[in-house]
Amino acid sequence: MSRFGPQDDLLHDVSQAGPHARESVLFTAPIPDEGLLVFVYLWREEGEPSSPARWGRFVFIGGPDMHAPEFLSHVEDAEFTGADLDDCVIGGVTLRQPEPLRTAEVEFVGDGLELSLRFLGIHEPFSWHDNADGCPSWVADDRYEQSCRTEGTVTLHGRRIVLNGAGHRDHSWGSRNWAMLQHWKWMNATAGDDLSLHAMIMDVKGERLVNGYLNIDGVVSPVVAAEAHADLDDQMVHRKVRGRFTDEKGRELELHAEYAAGWSMPIRHLLLNEVGMTATLGGRPAVAHVELGWPAEYVAGVTAS
């Protein structure tokens, strides 16, 4: 399979200019036992012709109410300080990557929130290029996904949580044309260092694309078939998700997940329903983060009273 090098944890020139140019890193840590979902998203996108590329960032903590996050801080034009992504500050979010492709540290202090988290990859980063459907040019030049262990603390409005759980991170660079997507299911679940799942099912121009991997007994293999079904409430929020996934080795995993915490995040013309979930993966207790993406106008039309 594809192998990334230490330079791939850093910035890429291809993401600095050009149509839909973007580079992004995402860190997500579901804490279903506490009814919380931690979500940190940092990005660089093309600037105006006469100005350099600009930075942005999202930090939110989802809770029981999808429409009222426990914490939300969003900066569209954020200051970037540092030499590169291995040690930098983006709009008040500190990112360090002391061990390339393995360890990332994220810190943030806001009004009512203090984060100090470490993400430890439990396997090598996985490239979407290793899937049969590949990494579409409108998604990225390349993209990696990685199941992680999570350590650290979250202090939310005086409530301190010591975290020793599971999460996920990704890093992509190149073009990102959100208009191509009709609907998607981005799913991550981890039951231990030896058992995790990443899958993305995308509906694009009337076709279905599948990306992702299964990590079983510490062996990572590309997904070749994926089906997932969601039980939606009257606001199009997924309350339960079930799926079956098969990899190139013929191995199968089933995922069953139930709502614990989340937030309906508006992004341009889209609505991203981000949900942290209690789960079972391959019959073992797991935690999951499942994002369902919809055109906002479609959701508004379906949910109109």
C-alpha atoms as a PDB file:
ATOM      1  CA  MET A   1       0.000   0.000   0.000  1.00  0.00           C
ATOM      2  CA  SER A   2       0.973   3.657  -0.235  1.00  0.00           C
ATOM      3  CA  ARG A   3       3.547   4.901   2.237  1.00  0.00           C
ATOM      4  CA  PHE A   4       3.712   8.447   3.513  1.00  0.00           C
ATOM      5  CA  GLY A   5       6.876  10.206   4.600  1.00  0.00           C
ATOM      6  CA  PRO A   6       7.512  12.752   7.362  1.00  0.00           C
ATOM      7  CA  GLN A   7       7.060  15.582   4.831  1.00  0.00           C
ATOM      8  CA  ASP A   8       3.413  14.569   4.416  1.00  0.00           C
ATOM      9  CA  ASP A   9       2.658  15.808   7.926  1.00  0.00           C
ATOM     10  CA  LEU A  10       3.740  19.250   6.695  1.00  0.00           C
ATOM     11  CA  LEU A  11       2.262  21.806   4.291  1.00  0.00           C
ATOM     12  CA  HIS A  12       2.053  21.077   0.562  1.00  0.00           C
ATOM     13  CA  ASP A  13       2.568  23.689  -2.166  1.00  0.00           C
ATOM     14  CA  VAL A  14      -0.322  22.290  -4.219  1.00  0.00           C
ATOM     15  CA  SER A  15      -2.792  23.412  -1.543  1.00  0.00           C
ATOM     16  CA  GLN A  16      -1.753  27.071  -1.604  1.00  0.00           C
ATOM     17  CA  ALA A  17      -3.181  28.270  -4.924  1.00  0.00           C
ATOM     18  CA  GLY A  18      -5.495  27.217  -7.713  1.00  0.00           C
ATOM     19  CA  PRO A  19      -9.187  26.386  -8.099  1.00  0.00           C
ATOM     20  CA  HIS A  20     -10.657  25.039  -4.831  1.00  0.00           C
ATOM     21  CA  ALA A  21      -7.174  24.727  -3.305  1.00  0.00           C
ATOM     22  CA  ARG A  22      -7.279  23.544   0.302  1.00  0.00           C
ATOM     23  CA  GLU A  23      -5.182  21.799   2.929  1.00  0.00           C
ATOM     24  CA  SER A  24      -6.862  20.570   6.085  1.00  0.00           C
ATOM     25  CA  VAL A  25      -6.219  18.572   9.234  1.00  0.00           C
ATOM     26  CA  LEU A  26      -8.966  17.156  11.418  1.00  0.00           C
ATOM     27  CA  PHE A  27      -8.919  15.728  14.923  1.00  0.00           C
ATOM     28  CA  THR A  28     -12.011  14.143  16.419  1.00  0.00           C
ATOM     29  CA  ALA A  29     -12.473  12.493  19.806  1.00  0.00           C
ATOM     30  CA  PRO A  30     -15.886  11.066  20.707  1.00  0.00           C
ATOM     31  CA  ILE A  31     -16.481  10.745  24.445  1.00  0.00           C
ATOM     32  CA  PRO A  32     -19.846   8.971  24.479  1.00  0.00           C
ATOM     33  CA  ASP A  33     -19.741   8.107  28.199  1.00  0.00           C
ATOM     34  CA  GLU A  34     -19.685  11.849  28.905  1.00  0.00           C
ATOM     35  CA  GLY A  35     -22.153  12.751  26.158  1.00  0.00           C
ATOM     36  CA  LEU A  36     -19.546  14.804  24.266  1.00  0.00           C
ATOM     37  CA  LEU A  37     -17.823  14.990  20.875  1.00  0.00           C
ATOM     38  CA  VAL A  38     -14.550  16.932  20.510  1.00  0.00           C
ATOM     39  CA  PHE A  39     -13.920  18.294  17.012  1.00  0.00           C
ATOM     40  CA  VAL A  40     -10.956  20.402  15.847  1.00  0.00           C
ATOM     41  CA  TYR A  41     -10.611  21.316  12.156  1.00  0.00           C
ATOM     42  CA  LEU A  42      -7.818  23.479  10.737  1.00  0.00           C
ATOM     43  CA  TRP A  43      -7.479  24.512   7.108  1.00  0.00           C
ATOM     44  CA  ARG A  44      -5.652  26.651   4.565  1.00  0.00           C
ATOM     45  CA  GLU A  45      -7.376  27.685   1.348  1.00  0.00           C
ATOM     46  CA  GLU A  46      -6.536  29.751  -1.698  1.00  0.00           C
ATOM     47  CA  GLY A  47      -6.613  33.500  -1.223  1.00  0.00           C
ATOM     48  CA  GLU A  48      -7.605  36.282  -3.557  1.00  0.00           C
ATOM     49  CA  PRO A  49      -5.382  36.810  -6.622  1.00  0.00           C
ATOM     50  CA  SER A  50      -3.635  39.708  -4.900  1.00  0.00           C
ATOM     51  CA  SER A  51      -3.347  38.130  -1.441  1.00  0.00           C
ATOM     52  CA  PRO A  52      -1.834  34.962   0.040  1.00  0.00           C
ATOM     53  CA  ALA A  53      -3.733  31.856   1.025  1.00  0.00           C
ATOM     54  CA  ARG A  54      -5.720  32.206   4.218  1.00  0.00           C
ATOM     55  CA  TRP A  55      -6.276  30.034   7.284  1.00  0.00           C
ATOM     56  CA  GLY A  56      -9.375  29.073   9.225  1.00  0.00           C
ATOM     57  CA  ARG A  57     -10.332  26.830  12.094  1.00  0.00           C
ATOM     58  CA  PHE A  58     -13.285  25.241  13.866  1.00  0.00           C
ATOM     59  CA  VAL A  59     -13.314  24.089  17.482  1.00  0.00           C
ATOM     60  CA  PHE A  60     -16.517  22.691  18.872  1.00  0.00           C
ATOM     61  CA  ILE A  61     -17.775  20.359  21.557  1.00  0.00           C
ATOM     62  CA  GLY A  62     -20.996  18.623  20.627  1.00  0.00           C
ATOM     63  CA  GLY A  63     -23.430  17.545  23.322  1.00  0.00           C
ATOM     64  CA  PRO A  64     -26.889  15.995  23.661  1.00  0.00           C
ATOM     65  CA  ASP A  65     -28.585  18.745  21.616  1.00  0.00           C
ATOM     66  CA  MET A  66     -27.526  18.671  17.948  1.00  0.00           C
ATOM     67  CA  HIS A  67     -28.564  22.293  17.479  1.00  0.00           C
ATOM     68  CA  ALA A  68     -26.893  23.783  20.576  1.00  0.00           C
ATOM     69  CA  PRO A  69     -23.208  22.846  20.893  1.00  0.00           C
ATOM     70  CA  GLU A  70     -21.632  22.840  24.340  1.00  0.00           C
ATOM     71  CA  PHE A  71     -18.841  25.007  22.911  1.00  0.00           C
ATOM     72  CA  LEU A  72     -18.263  26.620  19.526  1.00  0.00           C
ATOM     73  CA  SER A  73     -15.467  28.836  18.225  1.00  0.00           C
ATOM     74  CA  HIS A  74     -15.039  29.505  14.510  1.00  0.00           C
ATOM     75  CA  VAL A  75     -12.510  31.774  12.794  1.00  0.00           C
ATOM     76  CA  GLU A  76     -12.603  32.195   9.008  1.00  0.00           C
ATOM     77  CA  ASP A  77      -9.481  34.338   8.695  1.00  0.00           C
ATOM     78  CA  ALA A  78      -7.125  33.008  11.343  1.00  0.00           C
ATOM     79  CA  GLU A  79      -3.562  34.022  12.084  1.00  0.00           C
ATOM     80  CA  PHE A  80      -0.929  31.354  11.426  1.00  0.00           C
ATOM     81  CA  THR A  81       2.312  31.469  13.400  1.00  0.00           C
ATOM     82  CA  GLY A  82       5.096  28.952  13.062  1.00  0.00           C
ATOM     83  CA  ALA A  83       7.247  27.457  10.338  1.00  0.00           C
ATOM     84  CA  ASP A  84       5.023  24.487   9.437  1.00  0.00           C
ATOM     85  CA  LEU A  85       2.402  22.072  10.740  1.00  0.00           C
ATOM     86  CA  ASP A  86       4.852  20.272  13.008  1.00  0.00           C
ATOM     87  CA  ASP A  87       4.812  23.218  15.446  1.00  0.00           C
ATOM     88  CA  CYS A  88       2.374  26.058  14.874  1.00  0.00           C
ATOM     89  CA  VAL A  89      -0.549  28.072  16.196  1.00  0.00           C
ATOM     90  CA  ILE A  90      -3.644  28.633  14.035  1.00  0.00           C
ATOM     91  CA  GLY A  91      -6.199  31.030  15.427  1.00  0.00           C
ATOM     92  CA  GLY A  92      -5.307  30.086  19.000  1.00  0.00           C
ATOM     93  CA  VAL A  93      -5.101  26.322  18.332  1.00  0.00           C
ATOM     94  CA  THR A  94      -1.631  24.931  19.006  1.00  0.00           C
ATOM     95  CA  LEU A  95      -0.640  21.958  16.858  1.00  0.00           C
ATOM     96  CA  ARG A  96       2.546  19.976  17.387  1.00  0.00           C
ATOM     97  CA  GLN A  97       3.586  16.754  15.665  1.00  0.00           C
ATOM     98  CA  PRO A  98       6.628  15.520  17.594  1.00  0.00           C
ATOM     99  CA  GLU A  99       6.624  12.104  15.915  1.00  0.00           C
ATOM    100  CA  PRO A 100       5.727  12.332  12.209  1.00  0.00           C
ATOM    101  CA  LEU A 101       2.766  10.222  11.069  1.00  0.00           C
ATOM    102  CA  ARG A 102       2.353   8.890  14.585  1.00  0.00           C
ATOM    103  CA  THR A 103       1.763  11.560  17.251  1.00  0.00           C
ATOM    104  CA  ALA A 104      -0.088  14.871  17.190  1.00  0.00           C
ATOM    105  CA  GLU A 105      -0.750  17.228  20.109  1.00  0.00           C
ATOM    106  CA  VAL A 106      -3.602  19.732  20.068  1.00  0.00           C
ATOM    107  CA  GLU A 107      -4.134  22.515  22.617  1.00  0.00           C
ATOM    108  CA  PHE A 108      -6.702  25.279  22.845  1.00  0.00           C
ATOM    109  CA  VAL A 109      -7.975  27.720  25.461  1.00  0.00           C
ATOM    110  CA  GLY A 110     -11.258  29.533  24.893  1.00  0.00           C
ATOM    111  CA  ASP A 111     -14.084  31.051  26.878  1.00  0.00           C
ATOM    112  CA  GLY A 112     -15.240  28.032  28.863  1.00  0.00           C
ATOM    113  CA  LEU A 113     -12.993  25.430  27.238  1.00  0.00           C
ATOM    114  CA  GLU A 114      -9.475  24.137  27.736  1.00  0.00           C
ATOM    115  CA  LEU A 115      -8.191  21.306  25.539  1.00  0.00           C
ATOM    116  CA  SER A 116      -4.935  19.424  25.846  1.00  0.00           C
ATOM    117  CA  LEU A 117      -5.091  16.275  23.746  1.00  0.00           C
ATOM    118  CA  ARG A 118      -2.669  13.820  22.222  1.00  0.00           C
ATOM    119  CA  PHE A 119      -3.561  11.639  19.237  1.00  0.00           C
ATOM    120  CA  LEU A 120      -1.493   8.456  18.850  1.00  0.00           C
ATOM    121  CA  GLY A 121      -1.898   6.621  15.558  1.00  0.00           C
ATOM    122  CA  ILE A 122      -2.514   2.901  16.031  1.00  0.00           C
ATOM    123  CA  HIS A 123      -1.463   2.071  12.458  1.00  0.00           C
ATOM    124  CA  GLU A 124       0.265   3.766   9.529  1.00  0.00           C
ATOM    125  CA  PRO A 125      -1.776   6.484   7.789  1.00  0.00           C
ATOM    126  CA  PHE A 126      -3.980   5.161   5.001  1.00  0.00           C
ATOM    127  CA  SER A 127      -4.240   6.785   1.556  1.00  0.00           C
ATOM    128  CA  TRP A 128      -7.504   6.861  -0.360  1.00  0.00           C
ATOM    129  CA  HIS A 129      -5.414   6.140  -3.464  1.00  0.00           C
ATOM    130  CA  ASP A 130      -5.258   2.526  -2.245  1.00  0.00           C
ATOM    131  CA  ASN A 131      -9.000   2.055  -2.741  1.00  0.00           C
ATOM    132  CA  ALA A 132     -10.415   0.872  -6.056  1.00  0.00           C
ATOM    133  CA  ASP A 133     -12.310   4.163  -6.469  1.00  0.00           C
ATOM    134  CA  GLY A 134      -9.112   6.057  -5.666  1.00  0.00           C
ATOM    135  CA  CYS A 135      -8.817   9.607  -4.407  1.00  0.00           C
ATOM    136  CA  PRO A 136     -10.889  11.744  -6.809  1.00  0.00           C
ATOM    137  CA  SER A 137      -9.091  14.831  -8.107  1.00  0.00           C
ATOM    138  CA  TRP A 138     -11.824  17.086  -6.702  1.00  0.00           C
ATOM    139  CA  VAL A 139     -11.287  15.634  -3.196  1.00  0.00           C
ATOM    140  CA  ALA A 140      -7.523  16.040  -2.910  1.00  0.00           C
ATOM    141  CA  ASP A 141      -4.186  15.274  -4.493  1.00  0.00           C
ATOM    142  CA  ASP A 142      -3.807  12.905  -1.571  1.00  0.00           C
ATOM    143  CA  ARG A 143      -5.472  12.265   1.743  1.00  0.00           C
ATOM    144  CA  TYR A 144      -4.674  10.116   4.717  1.00  0.00           C
ATOM    145  CA  GLU A 145      -6.873   8.737   7.474  1.00  0.00           C
ATOM    146  CA  GLN A 146      -5.684   7.247  10.750  1.00  0.00           C
ATOM    147  CA  SER A 147      -7.380   5.612  13.733  1.00  0.00           C
ATOM    148  CA  CYS A 148      -5.950   6.895  16.997  1.00  0.00           C
ATOM    149  CA  ARG A 149      -5.766   6.482  20.725  1.00  0.00           C
ATOM    150  CA  THR A 150      -6.516   9.710  22.569  1.00  0.00           C
ATOM    151  CA  GLU A 151      -5.035  11.014  25.810  1.00  0.00           C
ATOM    152  CA  GLY A 152      -5.335  14.284  27.682  1.00  0.00           C
ATOM    153  CA  THR A 153      -7.859  16.533  29.355  1.00  0.00           C
ATOM    154  CA  VAL A 154     -10.964  18.466  28.380  1.00  0.00           C
ATOM    155  CA  THR A 155     -12.176  21.164  30.766  1.00  0.00           C
ATOM    156  CA  LEU A 156     -15.614  22.388  29.705  1.00  0.00           C
ATOM    157  CA  HIS A 157     -17.293  25.145  31.740  1.00  0.00           C
ATOM    158  CA  GLY A 158     -15.428  23.916  34.823  1.00  0.00           C
ATOM    159  CA  ARG A 159     -16.133  20.230  34.171  1.00  0.00           C
ATOM    160  CA  ARG A 160     -12.805  18.405  33.854  1.00  0.00           C
ATOM    161  CA  ILE A 161     -12.608  15.146  31.922  1.00  0.00           C
ATOM    162  CA  VAL A 162      -9.486  12.997  31.762  1.00  0.00           C
ATOM    163  CA  LEU A 163      -9.484  11.302  28.400  1.00  0.00           C
ATOM    164  CA  ASN A 164      -8.034   7.883  27.667  1.00  0.00           C
ATOM    165  CA  GLY A 165     -10.011   6.706  24.694  1.00  0.00           C
ATOM    166  CA  ALA A 166     -10.119   6.590  20.916  1.00  0.00           C
ATOM    167  CA  GLY A 167     -10.408   9.045  18.064  1.00  0.00           C
ATOM    168  CA  HIS A 168      -9.449   9.742  14.494  1.00  0.00           C
ATOM    169  CA  ARG A 169      -7.437  12.187  12.422  1.00  0.00           C
ATOM    170  CA  ASP A 170      -7.033  12.997   8.763  1.00  0.00           C
ATOM    171  CA  HIS A 171      -4.909  15.253   6.579  1.00  0.00           C
ATOM    172  CA  SER A 172      -5.640  16.175   2.966  1.00  0.00           C
ATOM    173  CA  TRP A 173      -4.145  18.542   0.410  1.00  0.00           C
ATOM    174  CA  GLY A 174      -4.953  19.711  -3.097  1.00  0.00           C
ATOM    175  CA  SER A 175      -8.335  20.562  -4.603  1.00  0.00           C
ATOM    176  CA  ARG A 176     -11.622  20.373  -2.636  1.00  0.00           C
ATOM    177  CA  ASN A 177     -14.785  20.980  -4.606  1.00  0.00           C
ATOM    178  CA  TRP A 178     -17.699  20.548  -2.195  1.00  0.00           C
ATOM    179  CA  ALA A 179     -20.215  21.093  -5.010  1.00  0.00           C
ATOM    180  CA  MET A 180     -19.539  17.580  -6.348  1.00  0.00           C
ATOM    181  CA  LEU A 181     -21.116  15.873  -3.348  1.00  0.00           C
ATOM    182  CA  GLN A 182     -24.789  14.942  -3.259  1.00  0.00           C
ATOM    183  CA  HIS A 183     -24.591  13.020   0.030  1.00  0.00           C
ATOM    184  CA  TRP A 184     -21.986  11.142   2.017  1.00  0.00           C
ATOM    185  CA  LYS A 185     -21.388   9.015   5.100  1.00  0.00           C
ATOM    186  CA  TRP A 186     -17.958   9.427   6.745  1.00  0.00           C
ATOM    187  CA  MET A 187     -17.574   6.774   9.441  1.00  0.00           C
ATOM    188  CA  ASN A 188     -14.864   5.988  11.954  1.00  0.00           C
ATOM    189  CA  ALA A 189     -14.961   3.478  14.784  1.00  0.00           C
ATOM    190  CA  THR A 190     -12.331   2.042  17.100  1.00  0.00           C
ATOM    191  CA  ALA A 191     -12.560  -0.902  19.502  1.00  0.00           C
ATOM    192  CA  GLY A 192      -8.854  -1.123  20.335  1.00  0.00           C
ATOM    193  CA  ASP A 193      -5.418  -0.913  18.765  1.00  0.00           C
ATOM    194  CA  ASP A 194      -6.137  -4.133  16.855  1.00  0.00           C
ATOM    195  CA  LEU A 195      -9.629  -3.269  15.586  1.00  0.00           C
ATOM    196  CA  SER A 196     -10.774  -0.102  13.829  1.00  0.00           C
ATOM    197  CA  LEU A 197     -12.650   1.116  10.790  1.00  0.00           C
ATOM    198  CA  HIS A 198     -12.668   4.089   8.452  1.00  0.00           C
ATOM    199  CA  ALA A 199     -15.183   4.293   5.608  1.00  0.00           C
ATOM    200  CA  MET A 200     -16.479   7.024   3.323  1.00  0.00           C
ATOM    201  CA  ILE A 201     -19.491   6.371   1.102  1.00  0.00           C
ATOM    202  CA  MET A 202     -20.073   9.230  -1.363  1.00  0.00           C
ATOM    203  CA  ASP A 203     -22.885   9.832  -3.843  1.00  0.00           C
ATOM    204  CA  VAL A 204     -21.425  11.889  -6.690  1.00  0.00           C
ATOM    205  CA  LYS A 205     -23.015  12.637 -10.063  1.00  0.00           C
ATOM    206  CA  GLY A 206     -25.369   9.699  -9.641  1.00  0.00           C
ATOM    207  CA  GLU A 207     -22.585   7.229  -8.800  1.00  0.00           C
ATOM    208  CA  ARG A 208     -21.526   5.731  -5.475  1.00  0.00           C
ATOM    209  CA  LEU A 209     -17.858   5.837  -4.451  1.00  0.00           C
ATOM    210  CA  VAL A 210     -16.357   3.923  -1.531  1.00  0.00           C
ATOM    211  CA  ASN A 211     -13.142   4.613   0.371  1.00  0.00           C
ATOM    212  CA  GLY A 212     -11.635   3.406   3.615  1.00  0.00           C
ATOM    213  CA  TYR A 213      -9.942   0.535   5.408  1.00  0.00           C
ATOM    214  CA  LEU A 214     -10.411  -2.196   7.969  1.00  0.00           C
ATOM    215  CA  ASN A 215      -7.826  -2.632  10.707  1.00  0.00           C
ATOM    216  CA  ILE A 216      -8.225  -6.176  12.041  1.00  0.00           C
ATOM    217  CA  ASP A 217      -5.572  -7.760  14.256  1.00  0.00           C
ATOM    218  CA  GLY A 218      -3.379  -4.766  13.415  1.00  0.00           C
ATOM    219  CA  VAL A 219      -3.463  -5.522   9.673  1.00  0.00           C
ATOM    220  CA  VAL A 220      -4.842  -2.643   7.582  1.00  0.00           C
ATOM    221  CA  SER A 221      -6.507  -3.444   4.262  1.00  0.00           C
ATOM    222  CA  PRO A 222      -8.555  -1.304   1.832  1.00  0.00           C
ATOM    223  CA  VAL A 223     -12.337  -1.543   1.891  1.00  0.00           C
ATOM    224  CA  VAL A 224     -13.821  -2.947  -1.320  1.00  0.00           C
ATOM    225  CA  ALA A 225     -17.504  -2.973  -0.350  1.00  0.00           C
ATOM    226  CA  ALA A 226     -19.473  -0.901   2.134  1.00  0.00           C
ATOM    227  CA  GLU A 227     -23.115  -0.476   2.936  1.00  0.00           C
ATOM    228  CA  ALA A 228     -24.527   1.628   5.732  1.00  0.00           C
ATOM    229  CA  HIS A 229     -27.996   2.603   6.838  1.00  0.00           C
ATOM    230  CA  ALA A 230     -29.032   5.351   9.218  1.00  0.00           C
ATOM    231  CA  ASP A 231     -32.168   5.839  11.303  1.00  0.00           C
ATOM    232  CA  LEU A 232     -32.945   9.560  10.939  1.00  0.00           C
ATOM    233  CA  ASP A 233     -35.081  11.720  13.183  1.00  0.00           C
ATOM    234  CA  ASP A 234     -37.426  14.427  11.898  1.00  0.00           C
ATOM    235  CA  GLN A 235     -34.473  16.833  11.543  1.00  0.00           C
ATOM    236  CA  MET A 236     -32.433  14.394   9.413  1.00  0.00           C
ATOM    237  CA  VAL A 237     -30.077  13.623  12.315  1.00  0.00           C
ATOM    238  CA  HIS A 238     -28.858  10.038  12.463  1.00  0.00           C
ATOM    239  CA  ARG A 239     -29.788   8.433  15.763  1.00  0.00           C
ATOM    240  CA  LYS A 240     -28.610   4.939  14.846  1.00  0.00           C
ATOM    241  CA  VAL A 241     -26.203   3.664  12.183  1.00  0.00           C
ATOM    242  CA  ARG A 242     -25.543   0.117  11.077  1.00  0.00           C
ATOM    243  CA  GLY A 243     -23.124  -1.005   8.423  1.00  0.00           C
ATOM    244  CA  ARG A 244     -21.280  -3.932   6.890  1.00  0.00           C
ATOM    245  CA  PHE A 245     -17.817  -3.565   5.364  1.00  0.00           C
ATOM    246  CA  THR A 246     -15.544  -5.928   3.419  1.00  0.00           C
ATOM    247  CA  ASP A 247     -11.850  -5.455   2.668  1.00  0.00           C
ATOM    248  CA  GLU A 248      -9.485  -6.761  -0.020  1.00  0.00           C
ATOM    249  CA  LYS A 249      -8.602  -9.752   2.149  1.00  0.00           C
ATOM    250  CA  GLY A 250     -12.238 -10.822   2.282  1.00  0.00           C
ATOM    251  CA  ARG A 251     -12.607  -9.895   5.935  1.00  0.00           C
ATOM    252  CA  GLU A 252     -15.885  -8.393   7.130  1.00  0.00           C
ATOM    253  CA  LEU A 253     -16.853  -6.078   9.964  1.00  0.00           C
ATOM    254  CA  GLU A 254     -20.235  -4.956  11.188  1.00  0.00           C
ATOM    255  CA  LEU A 255     -20.790  -1.601  12.863  1.00  0.00           C
ATOM    256  CA  HIS A 256     -23.738  -0.745  15.097  1.00  0.00           C
ATOM    257  CA  ALA A 257     -23.812   2.723  16.619  1.00  0.00           C
ATOM    258  CA  GLU A 258     -26.193   4.930  18.617  1.00  0.00           C
ATOM    259  CA  TYR A 259     -26.294   8.670  19.209  1.00  0.00           C
ATOM    260  CA  ALA A 260     -24.380  10.144  22.143  1.00  0.00           C
ATOM    261  CA  ALA A 261     -23.487  13.739  21.186  1.00  0.00           C
ATOM    262  CA  GLY A 262     -23.119  15.996  18.183  1.00  0.00           C
ATOM    263  CA  TRP A 263     -23.705  19.212  16.280  1.00  0.00           C
ATOM    264  CA  SER A 264     -25.290  20.143  12.932  1.00  0.00           C
ATOM    265  CA  MET A 265     -22.477  22.134  11.341  1.00  0.00           C
ATOM    266  CA  PRO A 266     -23.296  24.437   8.398  1.00  0.00           C
ATOM    267  CA  ILE A 267     -20.534  24.655   5.773  1.00  0.00           C
ATOM    268  CA  ARG A 268     -21.320  26.825   2.747  1.00  0.00           C
ATOM    269  CA  HIS A 269     -24.249  25.132   0.936  1.00  0.00           C
ATOM    270  CA  LEU A 270     -23.954  21.948   3.033  1.00  0.00           C
ATOM    271  CA  LEU A 271     -25.051  20.700   6.432  1.00  0.00           C
ATOM    272  CA  LEU A 272     -22.668  18.312   8.174  1.00  0.00           C
ATOM    273  CA  ASN A 273     -24.298  16.322  10.958  1.00  0.00           C
ATOM    274  CA  GLU A 274     -21.393  15.356  13.214  1.00  0.00           C
ATOM    275  CA  VAL A 275     -22.314  12.659  15.737  1.00  0.00           C
ATOM    276  CA  GLY A 276     -20.246  10.866  18.368  1.00  0.00           C
ATOM    277  CA  MET A 277     -21.706   7.451  19.074  1.00  0.00           C
ATOM    278  CA  THR A 278     -21.558   4.472  21.372  1.00  0.00           C
ATOM    279  CA  ALA A 279     -20.924   1.464  19.195  1.00  0.00           C
ATOM    280  CA  THR A 280     -19.997  -2.130  18.667  1.00  0.00           C
ATOM    281  CA  LEU A 281     -17.479  -3.032  15.980  1.00  0.00           C
ATOM    282  CA  GLY A 282     -17.120  -6.678  15.102  1.00  0.00           C
ATOM    283  CA  GLY A 283     -19.162  -7.404  18.221  1.00  0.00           C
ATOM    284  CA  ARG A 284     -16.750  -5.543  20.513  1.00  0.00           C
ATOM    285  CA  PRO A 285     -17.518  -2.321  22.423  1.00  0.00           C
ATOM    286  CA  ALA A 286     -16.293   0.683  20.445  1.00  0.00           C
ATOM    287  CA  VAL A 287     -16.625   4.427  20.055  1.00  0.00           C
ATOM    288  CA  ALA A 288     -17.547   5.990  16.736  1.00  0.00           C
ATOM    289  CA  HIS A 289     -17.813   9.310  14.952  1.00  0.00           C
ATOM    290  CA  VAL A 290     -20.223   9.335  12.014  1.00  0.00           C
ATOM    291  CA  GLU A 291     -20.667  12.392   9.799  1.00  0.00           C
ATOM    292  CA  LEU A 292     -23.564  12.539   7.348  1.00  0.00           C
ATOM    293  CA  GLY A 293     -23.364  15.359   4.830  1.00  0.00           C
ATOM    294  CA  TRP A 294     -26.388  16.844   3.049  1.00  0.00           C
ATOM    295  CA  PRO A 295     -27.197  19.800   0.809  1.00  0.00           C
ATOM    296  CA  ALA A 296     -28.721  22.325   3.237  1.00  0.00           C
ATOM    297  CA  GLU A 297     -31.615  23.133   0.907  1.00  0.00           C
ATOM    298  CA  TYR A 298     -32.508  19.442   0.684  1.00  0.00           C
ATOM    299  CA  VAL A 299     -32.646  19.133   4.482  1.00  0.00           C
ATOM    300  CA  ALA A 300     -34.713  22.314   4.720  1.00  0.00           C
ATOM    301  CA  GLY A 301     -37.188  20.991   2.166  1.00  0.00           C
ATOM    302  CA  VAL A 302     -37.517  17.550   3.745  1.00  0.00           C
ATOM    303  CA  THR A 303     -37.912  18.883   7.290  1.00  0.00           C
ATOM    304  CA  ALA A 304     -40.293  21.740   6.451  1.00  0.00           C
ATOM    305  CA  SER A 305     -43.504  21.462   8.448  1.00  0.00           C
END
